[in-house]
Amino acid sequence: QSQNSNKIHQNPIMLVKTNDDHITNFRYDTGLRNPNRRIDTLNTLLSQSPHLVQGKFSLADVAVASYLLYVIQFFPDVELYQRWPHVVRYMRECAGREGYGQ
């Protein structure tokens, strides 16, 4: 049992301890592996404007891009470009802004 407990601490996202003390594999779902209307809508908006509010970089862009960049950092196997090319462009542009990561 201590070996299983160590696995939980090594990778808490991928392994889950059930109520009956069994360890099961668990694949965390970001919501981006399946069809996603919210990201579809975001992709459409970003196809028409480089930013979310009146075409200018704003706090809304910082908030949304931060979430999106978090997803690809921790879940690199999620394929975004084929499904949402405008979202990917947006992420690159936001991350490339001077001072963005500070």
Protein backbone atom coordinates (compact mmCIF):
# COMPACT_ATOMS: atom_id res chain seq x y z
CA GLN A 1 0.00 0.00 0.00
CA SER A 2 2.86 2.44 0.67
CA GLN A 3 4.03 1.93 -2.92
CA ASN A 4 0.58 2.98 -4.18
CA SER A 5 0.58 5.97 -1.83
CA ASN A 6 3.90 7.06 -3.29
CA LYS A 7 2.39 6.95 -6.77
CA ILE A 8 -0.36 9.30 -5.69
CA HIS A 9 2.18 11.83 -4.47
CA GLN A 10 4.35 11.44 -7.57
CA ASN A 11 1.57 12.17 -10.02
CA PRO A 12 -1.68 13.33 -8.38
CA ILE A 13 -3.31 14.28 -11.68
CA MET A 14 -2.98 10.90 -13.34
CA LEU A 15 -3.70 8.61 -10.39
CA VAL A 16 -6.71 8.72 -8.10
CA LYS A 17 -7.40 6.92 -4.86
CA THR A 18 -10.97 5.65 -4.71
CA ASN A 19 -13.10 5.38 -1.55
CA ASP A 20 -12.16 1.72 -1.16
CA ASP A 21 -8.40 2.56 -1.21
CA HIS A 22 -7.79 1.31 -4.75
CA ILE A 23 -5.57 3.28 -7.07
CA THR A 24 -6.97 3.85 -10.55
CA ASN A 25 -5.61 5.56 -13.61
CA PHE A 26 -7.35 8.81 -14.30
CA ARG A 27 -6.88 11.05 -17.30
CA TYR A 28 -7.56 14.65 -16.41
CA ASP A 29 -9.80 16.26 -19.00
CA THR A 30 -9.10 19.89 -19.83
CA GLY A 31 -12.34 20.14 -21.78
CA LEU A 32 -10.31 20.59 -24.97
CA ARG A 33 -10.03 16.97 -26.08
CA ASN A 34 -13.68 16.88 -27.12
CA PRO A 35 -15.86 19.34 -29.06
CA ASN A 36 -16.00 22.60 -27.12
CA ARG A 37 -18.52 25.31 -28.03
CA ARG A 38 -16.83 27.89 -25.83
CA ILE A 39 -13.48 27.54 -27.57
CA ASP A 40 -15.26 27.39 -30.95
CA THR A 41 -16.87 30.74 -30.10
CA LEU A 42 -13.55 32.18 -28.94
CA ASN A 43 -11.92 31.02 -32.18
CA THR A 44 -14.66 32.76 -34.19
CA LEU A 45 -14.26 35.99 -32.20
CA LEU A 46 -10.49 35.90 -32.67
CA SER A 47 -10.89 35.36 -36.40
CA GLN A 48 -12.51 38.81 -36.50
CA SER A 49 -10.35 40.73 -34.02
CA PRO A 50 -6.82 40.32 -32.62
CA HIS A 51 -8.04 40.87 -29.04
CA LEU A 52 -11.16 40.34 -26.97
CA VAL A 53 -12.22 43.89 -26.08
CA GLN A 54 -12.57 46.52 -28.81
CA GLY A 55 -9.58 45.15 -30.72
CA LYS A 56 -7.11 46.29 -28.06
CA PHE A 57 -5.02 44.25 -25.64
CA SER A 58 -6.69 44.36 -22.21
CA LEU A 59 -6.98 42.58 -18.90
CA ALA A 60 -9.48 40.23 -20.54
CA ASP A 61 -6.70 39.03 -22.85
CA VAL A 62 -4.36 38.48 -19.91
CA ALA A 63 -6.97 36.38 -18.12
CA VAL A 64 -8.04 34.26 -21.10
CA ALA A 65 -4.54 33.77 -22.52
CA SER A 66 -3.22 32.80 -19.07
CA TYR A 67 -5.71 29.96 -18.87
CA LEU A 68 -5.06 28.81 -22.42
CA LEU A 69 -1.28 28.93 -21.97
CA TYR A 70 -1.64 26.93 -18.74
CA VAL A 71 -3.43 24.18 -20.66
CA ILE A 72 -0.66 23.69 -23.21
CA GLN A 73 2.06 23.87 -20.58
CA PHE A 74 0.60 21.05 -18.50
CA PHE A 75 -1.25 19.12 -21.21
CA PRO A 76 0.99 19.25 -24.29
CA ASP A 77 -0.83 16.36 -25.96
CA VAL A 78 -3.96 18.47 -26.52
CA GLU A 79 -4.08 19.35 -30.23
CA LEU A 80 -5.25 22.94 -30.66
CA TYR A 81 -3.99 24.23 -34.00
CA GLN A 82 -6.06 22.03 -36.32
CA ARG A 83 -9.29 22.86 -34.50
CA TRP A 84 -8.68 26.43 -33.33
CA PRO A 85 -5.99 28.19 -35.39
CA HIS A 86 -7.09 31.69 -34.34
CA VAL A 87 -6.89 30.73 -30.68
CA VAL A 88 -3.35 29.42 -31.22
CA ARG A 89 -2.32 32.63 -33.00
CA TYR A 90 -3.80 34.63 -30.13
CA MET A 91 -1.92 32.56 -27.55
CA ARG A 92 1.37 33.08 -29.39
CA GLU A 93 0.82 36.81 -29.70
CA CYS A 94 -0.15 37.22 -26.06
CA ALA A 95 2.76 35.13 -24.81
CA GLY A 96 5.14 37.05 -27.07
CA ARG A 97 4.19 40.46 -25.67
CA GLU A 98 6.93 42.30 -23.87
CA GLY A 99 6.50 41.87 -20.15
CA TYR A 100 3.69 39.32 -20.46
CA GLY A 101 5.36 36.67 -18.32
CA GLN A 102 6.48 39.07 -15.61
